[in-house]
Amino acid sequence: MSGILDSVNQRTQLVGQNRLELLLFRLNGRQRFGINVFKVREVLQCPALTSMPKLNPLVRGVAHIRGQTISVIDLSMATGGRRIEDLSTAFIVIAEYNRSVQGFLVGAVERIINTNWDAIMPPPQGTGRASYLTAVTEVDKELVEILDVEKILNEISPLNTDVSAEVADALDTTAFKDKIIFIADDSSVARNQVKRALTTLGLEIEMAKNGLEALNRLKEIAAETGDVTDKVGVLVSDIEMPEMDGYTLTAEIKNTPELQKLHVVLHTSLSGVFNQAMVKKVGADDFIAKFHPDELASAVQKWLGPTE
């Protein structure tokens, strides 16, 4: 297990090819789950955990790893299951989301698989609001569930989505009152966080659940107006999305004449191992690591309007 992520920094060639690698794991039963390798720093057997007062019930304790104190979240409990009892055989997946590092307690870790984003599908209809799935895929003829980690983290420690008064007072979008802001993100929690932060700009907001849905809608708008920027001021897109990721979406936009003037801001929790060169490669205009409402609102105002 110690070498399972040795080559993670060499895997960046997958980025921009609508491909990803998933680390497969189990919680308490046979069901497999997946997490994007690019968000994972390390996988270890569960070390001794230290209990601390006033911890969230879903946090089993803290671990001291390489000079850093990391909260360890029981992923089974966090998704409504029973707690992982035998810590001696359990593992911790150390990952970076939203500018912070967390440890996720899992029952077993299997292997890394290489797949394509178009094989990653939205959750089945009818899973309900309580669902913690952001996507599903099939491996070895078995369903793999990809968890909405941002939803889990937001329930444990809700993010502040308010733009500060100082930044809000400096925002001026009066020249773009007829424009909309377009948001693409597969996490319902993340979409609404972005929407709440950008509501400060006073513009209409439209949202899509993945890159393919966003691309199709942007093409519809362009067919109505002749150029998408006649209606859309800026696109704020996640990178990790089923069917089509944010890099591929950006590349498609920049290679389509009626879309290519649209400014694209990539907004993602892939802050730890993100390859900045990919922003330039696919033609994105900006990259903002999740989640800082002031930075996001300021970046959106900066990029409102078409490329000249």
C-alpha atoms as a PDB file:
ATOM      1  CA  MET A   1       0.000   0.000   0.000  1.00  0.00           C
ATOM      2  CA  SER A   2       2.890   2.373   0.682  1.00  0.00           C
ATOM      3  CA  GLY A   3       3.673   2.576  -3.018  1.00  0.00           C
ATOM      4  CA  ILE A   4       0.145   2.861  -4.354  1.00  0.00           C
ATOM      5  CA  LEU A   5       0.465   6.602  -4.971  1.00  0.00           C
ATOM      6  CA  ASP A   6       4.180   6.851  -5.715  1.00  0.00           C
ATOM      7  CA  SER A   7       3.559   7.992  -9.275  1.00  0.00           C
ATOM      8  CA  VAL A   8       0.663  10.379  -8.645  1.00  0.00           C
ATOM      9  CA  ASN A   9       2.638  13.383  -9.853  1.00  0.00           C
ATOM     10  CA  GLN A  10       3.396  11.592 -13.131  1.00  0.00           C
ATOM     11  CA  ARG A  11      -0.285  11.067 -13.819  1.00  0.00           C
ATOM     12  CA  THR A  12      -0.941  14.637 -14.911  1.00  0.00           C
ATOM     13  CA  GLN A  13      -0.819  13.565 -18.561  1.00  0.00           C
ATOM     14  CA  LEU A  14      -4.339  12.198 -18.001  1.00  0.00           C
ATOM     15  CA  VAL A  15      -5.595  15.700 -17.318  1.00  0.00           C
ATOM     16  CA  GLY A  16      -7.143  17.308 -20.371  1.00  0.00           C
ATOM     17  CA  GLN A  17      -7.890  13.971 -22.054  1.00  0.00           C
ATOM     18  CA  ASN A  18     -11.265  13.538 -20.289  1.00  0.00           C
ATOM     19  CA  ARG A  19      -9.649  10.735 -18.279  1.00  0.00           C
ATOM     20  CA  LEU A  20      -9.153  10.126 -14.604  1.00  0.00           C
ATOM     21  CA  GLU A  21      -7.895   7.562 -12.151  1.00  0.00           C
ATOM     22  CA  LEU A  22     -10.035   6.371  -9.274  1.00  0.00           C
ATOM     23  CA  LEU A  23      -8.816   4.895  -6.010  1.00  0.00           C
ATOM     24  CA  LEU A  24     -11.303   2.130  -5.162  1.00  0.00           C
ATOM     25  CA  PHE A  25     -12.194   1.386  -1.552  1.00  0.00           C
ATOM     26  CA  ARG A  26     -14.862  -0.222   0.611  1.00  0.00           C
ATOM     27  CA  LEU A  27     -16.484   0.949   3.825  1.00  0.00           C
ATOM     28  CA  ASN A  28     -18.312  -1.751   5.809  1.00  0.00           C
ATOM     29  CA  GLY A  29     -19.706  -4.029   3.127  1.00  0.00           C
ATOM     30  CA  ARG A  30     -19.138  -5.256  -0.414  1.00  0.00           C
ATOM     31  CA  GLN A  31     -20.094  -1.969  -2.076  1.00  0.00           C
ATOM     32  CA  ARG A  32     -17.169  -0.274  -3.816  1.00  0.00           C
ATOM     33  CA  PHE A  33     -16.583   3.459  -3.709  1.00  0.00           C
ATOM     34  CA  GLY A  34     -14.189   5.685  -5.610  1.00  0.00           C
ATOM     35  CA  ILE A  35     -12.212   8.896  -5.123  1.00  0.00           C
ATOM     36  CA  ASN A  36     -10.192  10.758  -7.739  1.00  0.00           C
ATOM     37  CA  VAL A  37      -6.474  10.027  -7.302  1.00  0.00           C
ATOM     38  CA  PHE A  38      -5.641  13.673  -7.970  1.00  0.00           C
ATOM     39  CA  LYS A  39      -7.265  14.580  -4.658  1.00  0.00           C
ATOM     40  CA  VAL A  40      -5.353  11.938  -2.700  1.00  0.00           C
ATOM     41  CA  ARG A  41      -2.058  12.691  -0.996  1.00  0.00           C
ATOM     42  CA  GLU A  42      -1.441   9.382   0.721  1.00  0.00           C
ATOM     43  CA  VAL A  43      -3.031   6.113   1.815  1.00  0.00           C
ATOM     44  CA  LEU A  44      -1.991   4.541   5.119  1.00  0.00           C
ATOM     45  CA  GLN A  45      -3.088   1.926   7.551  1.00  0.00           C
ATOM     46  CA  CYS A  46      -5.044   3.642  10.285  1.00  0.00           C
ATOM     47  CA  PRO A  47      -2.644   4.999  12.917  1.00  0.00           C
ATOM     48  CA  ALA A  48      -3.558   5.634  16.535  1.00  0.00           C
ATOM     49  CA  LEU A  49      -6.319   8.243  16.720  1.00  0.00           C
ATOM     50  CA  THR A  50      -6.532  10.837  19.454  1.00  0.00           C
ATOM     51  CA  SER A  51      -9.976  11.813  20.723  1.00  0.00           C
ATOM     52  CA  MET A  52     -10.535  15.484  21.387  1.00  0.00           C
ATOM     53  CA  PRO A  53     -13.407  17.310  23.109  1.00  0.00           C
ATOM     54  CA  LYS A  54     -16.226  18.804  21.024  1.00  0.00           C
ATOM     55  CA  LEU A  55     -15.325  16.935  17.851  1.00  0.00           C
ATOM     56  CA  ASN A  56     -18.137  16.382  15.369  1.00  0.00           C
ATOM     57  CA  PRO A  57     -19.584  12.854  15.950  1.00  0.00           C
ATOM     58  CA  LEU A  58     -18.521  11.872  12.430  1.00  0.00           C
ATOM     59  CA  VAL A  59     -14.874  12.661  13.257  1.00  0.00           C
ATOM     60  CA  ARG A  60     -13.347   9.609  14.917  1.00  0.00           C
ATOM     61  CA  GLY A  61     -10.328  11.525  16.138  1.00  0.00           C
ATOM     62  CA  VAL A  62      -7.192  13.238  14.936  1.00  0.00           C
ATOM     63  CA  ALA A  63      -4.021  11.653  13.596  1.00  0.00           C
ATOM     64  CA  HIS A  64      -0.523  13.110  13.736  1.00  0.00           C
ATOM     65  CA  ILE A  65       1.008  12.423  10.336  1.00  0.00           C
ATOM     66  CA  ARG A  66       4.297  13.870   9.055  1.00  0.00           C
ATOM     67  CA  GLY A  67       4.154  16.780  11.465  1.00  0.00           C
ATOM     68  CA  GLN A  68       0.558  17.650  10.661  1.00  0.00           C
ATOM     69  CA  THR A  69      -2.577  17.122  12.752  1.00  0.00           C
ATOM     70  CA  ILE A  70      -5.368  15.767  10.537  1.00  0.00           C
ATOM     71  CA  SER A  71      -9.022  15.168  11.402  1.00  0.00           C
ATOM     72  CA  VAL A  72     -10.172  11.659  10.481  1.00  0.00           C
ATOM     73  CA  ILE A  73     -13.770  11.354   9.244  1.00  0.00           C
ATOM     74  CA  ASP A  74     -15.547   8.004   9.306  1.00  0.00           C
ATOM     75  CA  LEU A  75     -16.873   7.879   5.730  1.00  0.00           C
ATOM     76  CA  SER A  76     -19.315   5.109   6.561  1.00  0.00           C
ATOM     77  CA  MET A  77     -20.953   7.105   9.346  1.00  0.00           C
ATOM     78  CA  ALA A  78     -20.846  10.278   7.257  1.00  0.00           C
ATOM     79  CA  THR A  79     -22.958   8.614   4.576  1.00  0.00           C
ATOM     80  CA  GLY A  80     -25.525   7.202   6.988  1.00  0.00           C
ATOM     81  CA  GLY A  81     -23.936   3.796   7.565  1.00  0.00           C
ATOM     82  CA  ARG A  82     -22.612   2.120  10.678  1.00  0.00           C
ATOM     83  CA  ARG A  83     -19.231   3.098  12.084  1.00  0.00           C
ATOM     84  CA  ILE A  84     -16.083   1.277  11.067  1.00  0.00           C
ATOM     85  CA  GLU A  85     -15.292  -0.724  14.206  1.00  0.00           C
ATOM     86  CA  ASP A  86     -11.976  -2.483  13.620  1.00  0.00           C
ATOM     87  CA  LEU A  87      -9.426   0.305  13.223  1.00  0.00           C
ATOM     88  CA  SER A  88      -6.546  -2.190  13.213  1.00  0.00           C
ATOM     89  CA  THR A  89      -7.506  -3.322   9.695  1.00  0.00           C
ATOM     90  CA  ALA A  90      -8.834   0.026   8.457  1.00  0.00           C
ATOM     91  CA  PHE A  91      -7.105   2.606   6.275  1.00  0.00           C
ATOM     92  CA  ILE A  92      -6.967   6.376   6.076  1.00  0.00           C
ATOM     93  CA  VAL A  93      -7.186   8.123   2.712  1.00  0.00           C
ATOM     94  CA  ILE A  94      -5.545  11.520   3.140  1.00  0.00           C
ATOM     95  CA  ALA A  95      -6.982  13.966   0.639  1.00  0.00           C
ATOM     96  CA  GLU A  96      -7.083  17.689  -0.035  1.00  0.00           C
ATOM     97  CA  TYR A  97     -10.404  19.409  -0.570  1.00  0.00           C
ATOM     98  CA  ASN A  98     -11.232  23.086  -0.442  1.00  0.00           C
ATOM     99  CA  ARG A  99      -7.761  24.216   0.606  1.00  0.00           C
ATOM    100  CA  SER A 100      -7.545  21.881   3.588  1.00  0.00           C
ATOM    101  CA  VAL A 101      -6.345  18.334   4.261  1.00  0.00           C
ATOM    102  CA  GLN A 102      -8.630  15.663   5.697  1.00  0.00           C
ATOM    103  CA  GLY A 103      -8.334  11.994   6.518  1.00  0.00           C
ATOM    104  CA  PHE A 104     -11.138   9.646   5.474  1.00  0.00           C
ATOM    105  CA  LEU A 105     -11.460   6.408   7.426  1.00  0.00           C
ATOM    106  CA  VAL A 106     -12.344   3.478   5.135  1.00  0.00           C
ATOM    107  CA  GLY A 107     -12.639  -0.251   5.739  1.00  0.00           C
ATOM    108  CA  ALA A 108     -10.399  -1.453   2.908  1.00  0.00           C
ATOM    109  CA  VAL A 109      -8.489  -0.021  -0.049  1.00  0.00           C
ATOM    110  CA  GLU A 110      -8.362  -2.011  -3.279  1.00  0.00           C
ATOM    111  CA  ARG A 111      -6.570  -0.537  -6.289  1.00  0.00           C
ATOM    112  CA  ILE A 112      -6.375   2.349  -8.731  1.00  0.00           C
ATOM    113  CA  ILE A 113      -8.251   2.148 -12.030  1.00  0.00           C
ATOM    114  CA  ASN A 114      -7.834   4.283 -15.137  1.00  0.00           C
ATOM    115  CA  THR A 115     -11.088   5.261 -16.840  1.00  0.00           C
ATOM    116  CA  ASN A 116     -12.738   7.926 -18.957  1.00  0.00           C
ATOM    117  CA  TRP A 117     -14.996  10.673 -17.667  1.00  0.00           C
ATOM    118  CA  ASP A 118     -17.634   9.680 -20.208  1.00  0.00           C
ATOM    119  CA  ALA A 119     -17.886   6.361 -18.346  1.00  0.00           C
ATOM    120  CA  ILE A 120     -18.688   8.276 -15.150  1.00  0.00           C
ATOM    121  CA  MET A 121     -22.427   8.850 -15.050  1.00  0.00           C
ATOM    122  CA  PRO A 122     -24.706  10.990 -12.883  1.00  0.00           C
ATOM    123  CA  PRO A 123     -26.448   9.108 -10.029  1.00  0.00           C
ATOM    124  CA  PRO A 124     -29.644   7.269 -10.978  1.00  0.00           C
ATOM    125  CA  GLN A 125     -32.861   9.247 -10.808  1.00  0.00           C
ATOM    126  CA  GLY A 126     -34.791   8.855  -7.573  1.00  0.00           C
ATOM    127  CA  THR A 127     -31.794   8.682  -5.260  1.00  0.00           C
ATOM    128  CA  GLY A 128     -33.301  11.638  -3.401  1.00  0.00           C
ATOM    129  CA  ARG A 129     -31.859  14.657  -1.678  1.00  0.00           C
ATOM    130  CA  ALA A 130     -30.291  12.539   1.037  1.00  0.00           C
ATOM    131  CA  SER A 131     -28.052  10.797  -1.492  1.00  0.00           C
ATOM    132  CA  TYR A 132     -24.335  11.267  -0.990  1.00  0.00           C
ATOM    133  CA  LEU A 133     -23.501  10.218  -4.542  1.00  0.00           C
ATOM    134  CA  THR A 134     -22.107  12.611  -7.088  1.00  0.00           C
ATOM    135  CA  ALA A 135     -21.591   9.952  -9.793  1.00  0.00           C
ATOM    136  CA  VAL A 136     -21.454   6.223 -10.506  1.00  0.00           C
ATOM    137  CA  THR A 137     -19.484   3.967 -12.839  1.00  0.00           C
ATOM    138  CA  GLU A 138     -19.043   0.253 -13.502  1.00  0.00           C
ATOM    139  CA  VAL A 139     -15.935  -1.781 -12.724  1.00  0.00           C
ATOM    140  CA  ASP A 140     -15.755  -5.569 -13.128  1.00  0.00           C
ATOM    141  CA  LYS A 141     -19.525  -5.556 -13.777  1.00  0.00           C
ATOM    142  CA  GLU A 142     -20.116  -3.998 -10.355  1.00  0.00           C
ATOM    143  CA  LEU A 143     -21.400  -0.524  -9.569  1.00  0.00           C
ATOM    144  CA  VAL A 144     -18.851   1.882  -8.081  1.00  0.00           C
ATOM    145  CA  GLU A 145     -20.282   4.836  -6.182  1.00  0.00           C
ATOM    146  CA  ILE A 146     -18.404   8.156  -6.223  1.00  0.00           C
ATOM    147  CA  LEU A 147     -19.230  10.124  -3.104  1.00  0.00           C
ATOM    148  CA  ASP A 148     -20.084  13.816  -2.942  1.00  0.00           C
ATOM    149  CA  VAL A 149     -17.249  14.604  -0.548  1.00  0.00           C
ATOM    150  CA  GLU A 150     -17.986  18.323  -0.671  1.00  0.00           C
ATOM    151  CA  LYS A 151     -21.469  17.635   0.688  1.00  0.00           C
ATOM    152  CA  ILE A 152     -20.022  15.501   3.495  1.00  0.00           C
ATOM    153  CA  LEU A 153     -17.471  18.151   4.461  1.00  0.00           C
ATOM    154  CA  ASN A 154     -20.062  20.919   4.322  1.00  0.00           C
ATOM    155  CA  GLU A 155     -22.286  19.023   6.765  1.00  0.00           C
ATOM    156  CA  ILE A 156     -19.391  18.623   9.187  1.00  0.00           C
ATOM    157  CA  SER A 157     -18.014  22.124   8.823  1.00  0.00           C
ATOM    158  CA  PRO A 158     -20.194  24.418   6.668  1.00  0.00           C
ATOM    159  CA  LEU A 159     -18.317  26.809   4.407  1.00  0.00           C
ATOM    160  CA  ASN A 160     -18.932  30.522   4.550  1.00  0.00           C
ATOM    161  CA  THR A 161     -20.398  31.524   1.182  1.00  0.00           C
ATOM    162  CA  ASP A 162     -20.805  35.232   1.936  1.00  0.00           C
ATOM    163  CA  VAL A 163     -18.769  37.792   0.047  1.00  0.00           C
ATOM    164  CA  SER A 164     -17.227  40.282   2.474  1.00  0.00           C
ATOM    165  CA  ALA A 165     -18.766  43.746   2.688  1.00  0.00           C
ATOM    166  CA  GLU A 166     -15.495  45.296   1.512  1.00  0.00           C
ATOM    167  CA  VAL A 167     -15.385  43.204  -1.677  1.00  0.00           C
ATOM    168  CA  ALA A 168     -19.147  43.484  -2.242  1.00  0.00           C
ATOM    169  CA  ASP A 169     -18.937  47.276  -2.146  1.00  0.00           C
ATOM    170  CA  ALA A 170     -16.208  47.216  -4.801  1.00  0.00           C
ATOM    171  CA  LEU A 171     -18.122  44.968  -7.212  1.00  0.00           C
ATOM    172  CA  ASP A 172     -19.695  46.752 -10.158  1.00  0.00           C
ATOM    173  CA  THR A 173     -21.553  44.818 -12.850  1.00  0.00           C
ATOM    174  CA  THR A 174     -23.837  47.586 -14.093  1.00  0.00           C
ATOM    175  CA  ALA A 175     -22.352  47.287 -17.593  1.00  0.00           C
ATOM    176  CA  PHE A 176     -23.368  43.608 -17.719  1.00  0.00           C
ATOM    177  CA  LYS A 177     -26.900  43.674 -16.285  1.00  0.00           C
ATOM    178  CA  ASP A 178     -28.258  41.789 -19.314  1.00  0.00           C
ATOM    179  CA  LYS A 179     -25.725  38.945 -18.943  1.00  0.00           C
ATOM    180  CA  ILE A 180     -26.018  35.674 -17.055  1.00  0.00           C
ATOM    181  CA  ILE A 181     -23.385  33.791 -15.080  1.00  0.00           C
ATOM    182  CA  PHE A 182     -23.231  30.108 -16.029  1.00  0.00           C
ATOM    183  CA  ILE A 183     -22.159  27.549 -13.395  1.00  0.00           C
ATOM    184  CA  ALA A 184     -21.194  23.927 -14.114  1.00  0.00           C
ATOM    185  CA  ASP A 185     -20.603  21.590 -11.146  1.00  0.00           C
ATOM    186  CA  ASP A 186     -21.692  18.025 -10.428  1.00  0.00           C
ATOM    187  CA  SER A 187     -22.046  18.557  -6.673  1.00  0.00           C
ATOM    188  CA  SER A 188     -25.403  20.092  -5.724  1.00  0.00           C
ATOM    189  CA  VAL A 189     -23.788  21.516  -2.596  1.00  0.00           C
ATOM    190  CA  ALA A 190     -20.942  23.105  -4.561  1.00  0.00           C
ATOM    191  CA  ARG A 191     -23.342  24.528  -7.181  1.00  0.00           C
ATOM    192  CA  ASN A 192     -25.394  26.218  -4.505  1.00  0.00           C
ATOM    193  CA  GLN A 193     -22.303  27.486  -2.680  1.00  0.00           C
ATOM    194  CA  VAL A 194     -21.095  29.143  -5.883  1.00  0.00           C
ATOM    195  CA  LYS A 195     -24.563  30.488  -6.636  1.00  0.00           C
ATOM    196  CA  ARG A 196     -24.882  32.066  -3.188  1.00  0.00           C
ATOM    197  CA  ALA A 197     -21.475  33.709  -3.461  1.00  0.00           C
ATOM    198  CA  LEU A 198     -22.128  35.073  -6.953  1.00  0.00           C
ATOM    199  CA  THR A 199     -25.628  36.324  -6.181  1.00  0.00           C
ATOM    200  CA  THR A 200     -23.793  39.359  -4.781  1.00  0.00           C
ATOM    201  CA  LEU A 201     -23.058  40.390  -8.374  1.00  0.00           C
ATOM    202  CA  GLY A 202     -26.764  40.874  -9.022  1.00  0.00           C
ATOM    203  CA  LEU A 203     -26.855  38.928 -12.297  1.00  0.00           C
ATOM    204  CA  GLU A 204     -29.055  36.046 -13.406  1.00  0.00           C
ATOM    205  CA  ILE A 205     -27.460  32.640 -12.807  1.00  0.00           C
ATOM    206  CA  GLU A 206     -27.943  29.425 -14.784  1.00  0.00           C
ATOM    207  CA  MET A 207     -26.525  26.065 -13.686  1.00  0.00           C
ATOM    208  CA  ALA A 208     -25.625  22.687 -15.201  1.00  0.00           C
ATOM    209  CA  LYS A 209     -24.770  19.386 -13.491  1.00  0.00           C
ATOM    210  CA  ASN A 210     -21.842  18.388 -15.717  1.00  0.00           C
ATOM    211  CA  GLY A 211     -19.662  19.497 -18.606  1.00  0.00           C
ATOM    212  CA  LEU A 212     -21.707  17.854 -21.335  1.00  0.00           C
ATOM    213  CA  GLU A 213     -24.952  19.402 -20.106  1.00  0.00           C
ATOM    214  CA  ALA A 214     -23.224  22.797 -19.917  1.00  0.00           C
ATOM    215  CA  LEU A 215     -21.775  22.499 -23.424  1.00  0.00           C
ATOM    216  CA  ASN A 216     -25.121  21.533 -24.946  1.00  0.00           C
ATOM    217  CA  ARG A 217     -26.889  24.413 -23.208  1.00  0.00           C
ATOM    218  CA  LEU A 218     -24.233  26.934 -24.249  1.00  0.00           C
ATOM    219  CA  LYS A 219     -24.595  25.760 -27.854  1.00  0.00           C
ATOM    220  CA  GLU A 220     -28.373  26.239 -27.581  1.00  0.00           C
ATOM    221  CA  ILE A 221     -27.870  29.798 -26.367  1.00  0.00           C
ATOM    222  CA  ALA A 222     -25.374  30.473 -29.163  1.00  0.00           C
ATOM    223  CA  ALA A 223     -27.855  29.143 -31.745  1.00  0.00           C
ATOM    224  CA  GLU A 224     -30.428  31.624 -30.463  1.00  0.00           C
ATOM    225  CA  THR A 225     -28.125  34.651 -30.392  1.00  0.00           C
ATOM    226  CA  GLY A 226     -25.327  33.935 -32.896  1.00  0.00           C
ATOM    227  CA  ASP A 227     -22.657  34.196 -30.204  1.00  0.00           C
ATOM    228  CA  VAL A 228     -22.927  32.827 -26.687  1.00  0.00           C
ATOM    229  CA  THR A 229     -21.439  36.010 -25.182  1.00  0.00           C
ATOM    230  CA  ASP A 230     -24.484  37.962 -26.322  1.00  0.00           C
ATOM    231  CA  LYS A 231     -26.200  36.373 -23.324  1.00  0.00           C
ATOM    232  CA  VAL A 232     -23.592  34.666 -21.117  1.00  0.00           C
ATOM    233  CA  GLY A 233     -21.061  36.840 -19.322  1.00  0.00           C
ATOM    234  CA  VAL A 234     -18.776  34.155 -17.894  1.00  0.00           C
ATOM    235  CA  LEU A 235     -18.653  30.402 -17.196  1.00  0.00           C
ATOM    236  CA  VAL A 236     -17.573  29.120 -13.780  1.00  0.00           C
ATOM    237  CA  SER A 237     -16.809  25.410 -14.121  1.00  0.00           C
ATOM    238  CA  ASP A 238     -15.708  22.627 -11.836  1.00  0.00           C
ATOM    239  CA  ILE A 239     -13.036  20.312 -13.270  1.00  0.00           C
ATOM    240  CA  GLU A 240     -14.227  16.916 -12.014  1.00  0.00           C
ATOM    241  CA  MET A 241     -17.609  16.172 -13.586  1.00  0.00           C
ATOM    242  CA  PRO A 242     -19.240  13.045 -15.030  1.00  0.00           C
ATOM    243  CA  GLU A 243     -19.531  12.579 -18.805  1.00  0.00           C
ATOM    244  CA  MET A 244     -17.274  15.566 -19.582  1.00  0.00           C
ATOM    245  CA  ASP A 245     -14.725  17.182 -17.273  1.00  0.00           C
ATOM    246  CA  GLY A 246     -14.016  20.894 -17.006  1.00  0.00           C
ATOM    247  CA  TYR A 247     -10.812  20.723 -19.044  1.00  0.00           C
ATOM    248  CA  THR A 248     -12.568  19.060 -21.972  1.00  0.00           C
ATOM    249  CA  LEU A 249     -15.483  21.477 -21.666  1.00  0.00           C
ATOM    250  CA  THR A 250     -13.061  24.425 -21.808  1.00  0.00           C
ATOM    251  CA  ALA A 251     -11.237  23.003 -24.819  1.00  0.00           C
ATOM    252  CA  GLU A 252     -14.553  22.442 -26.639  1.00  0.00           C
ATOM    253  CA  ILE A 253     -15.618  26.018 -25.914  1.00  0.00           C
ATOM    254  CA  LYS A 254     -12.358  27.509 -27.141  1.00  0.00           C
ATOM    255  CA  ASN A 255     -12.483  25.388 -30.333  1.00  0.00           C
ATOM    256  CA  THR A 256     -16.089  26.295 -31.220  1.00  0.00           C
ATOM    257  CA  PRO A 257     -16.389  29.638 -33.078  1.00  0.00           C
ATOM    258  CA  GLU A 258     -19.718  30.685 -31.565  1.00  0.00           C
ATOM    259  CA  LEU A 259     -18.471  29.877 -28.045  1.00  0.00           C
ATOM    260  CA  GLN A 260     -14.772  30.763 -28.103  1.00  0.00           C
ATOM    261  CA  LYS A 261     -15.146  34.354 -26.872  1.00  0.00           C
ATOM    262  CA  LEU A 262     -16.621  33.131 -23.597  1.00  0.00           C
ATOM    263  CA  HIS A 263     -14.361  33.572 -20.585  1.00  0.00           C
ATOM    264  CA  VAL A 264     -13.947  30.399 -18.502  1.00  0.00           C
ATOM    265  CA  VAL A 265     -13.014  30.371 -14.807  1.00  0.00           C
ATOM    266  CA  LEU A 266     -12.106  26.886 -13.545  1.00  0.00           C
ATOM    267  CA  HIS A 267     -13.175  26.507  -9.918  1.00  0.00           C
ATOM    268  CA  THR A 268     -12.127  23.285  -8.243  1.00  0.00           C
ATOM    269  CA  SER A 269     -11.116  21.563  -5.026  1.00  0.00           C
ATOM    270  CA  LEU A 270      -8.155  20.021  -6.908  1.00  0.00           C
ATOM    271  CA  SER A 271      -5.902  22.586  -5.276  1.00  0.00           C
ATOM    272  CA  GLY A 272      -3.219  20.269  -3.901  1.00  0.00           C
ATOM    273  CA  VAL A 273      -2.023  18.455  -7.015  1.00  0.00           C
ATOM    274  CA  PHE A 274      -3.482  20.659  -9.690  1.00  0.00           C
ATOM    275  CA  ASN A 275      -1.232  21.221 -12.698  1.00  0.00           C
ATOM    276  CA  GLN A 276      -1.390  24.946 -13.495  1.00  0.00           C
ATOM    277  CA  ALA A 277      -0.043  24.310 -16.988  1.00  0.00           C
ATOM    278  CA  MET A 278      -3.333  22.643 -17.878  1.00  0.00           C
ATOM    279  CA  VAL A 279      -5.203  25.948 -17.540  1.00  0.00           C
ATOM    280  CA  LYS A 280      -3.106  27.403 -20.339  1.00  0.00           C
ATOM    281  CA  LYS A 281      -3.186  24.208 -22.388  1.00  0.00           C
ATOM    282  CA  VAL A 282      -6.989  24.118 -22.642  1.00  0.00           C
ATOM    283  CA  GLY A 283      -7.356  27.900 -22.876  1.00  0.00           C
ATOM    284  CA  ALA A 284      -9.063  28.659 -19.555  1.00  0.00           C
ATOM    285  CA  ASP A 285      -8.872  32.281 -18.462  1.00  0.00           C
ATOM    286  CA  ASP A 286      -8.463  31.733 -14.726  1.00  0.00           C
ATOM    287  CA  PHE A 287      -8.229  29.120 -11.972  1.00  0.00           C
ATOM    288  CA  ILE A 288      -9.670  29.591  -8.496  1.00  0.00           C
ATOM    289  CA  ALA A 289      -9.192  26.948  -5.799  1.00  0.00           C
ATOM    290  CA  LYS A 290     -12.379  26.195  -3.850  1.00  0.00           C
ATOM    291  CA  PHE A 291     -13.711  27.837  -1.841  1.00  0.00           C
ATOM    292  CA  HIS A 292     -13.148  31.537  -1.190  1.00  0.00           C
ATOM    293  CA  PRO A 293     -16.186  33.688  -2.006  1.00  0.00           C
ATOM    294  CA  ASP A 294     -14.233  36.962  -2.226  1.00  0.00           C
ATOM    295  CA  GLU A 295     -11.732  35.549  -4.723  1.00  0.00           C
ATOM    296  CA  LEU A 296     -14.459  33.897  -6.769  1.00  0.00           C
ATOM    297  CA  ALA A 297     -16.695  36.968  -6.987  1.00  0.00           C
ATOM    298  CA  SER A 298     -13.740  39.203  -7.872  1.00  0.00           C
ATOM    299  CA  ALA A 299     -12.554  36.799 -10.576  1.00  0.00           C
ATOM    300  CA  VAL A 300     -16.018  36.556 -12.118  1.00  0.00           C
ATOM    301  CA  GLN A 301     -16.352  40.335 -12.266  1.00  0.00           C
ATOM    302  CA  LYS A 302     -12.863  40.553 -13.850  1.00  0.00           C
ATOM    303  CA  TRP A 303     -13.778  38.137 -16.636  1.00  0.00           C
ATOM    304  CA  LEU A 304     -17.306  39.269 -17.387  1.00  0.00           C
ATOM    305  CA  GLY A 305     -17.786  40.025 -21.051  1.00  0.00           C
ATOM    306  CA  PRO A 306     -16.402  38.470 -24.246  1.00  0.00           C
ATOM    307  CA  THR A 307     -12.780  38.068 -25.262  1.00  0.00           C
ATOM    308  CA  GLU A 308     -11.862  40.891 -27.603  1.00  0.00           C
END
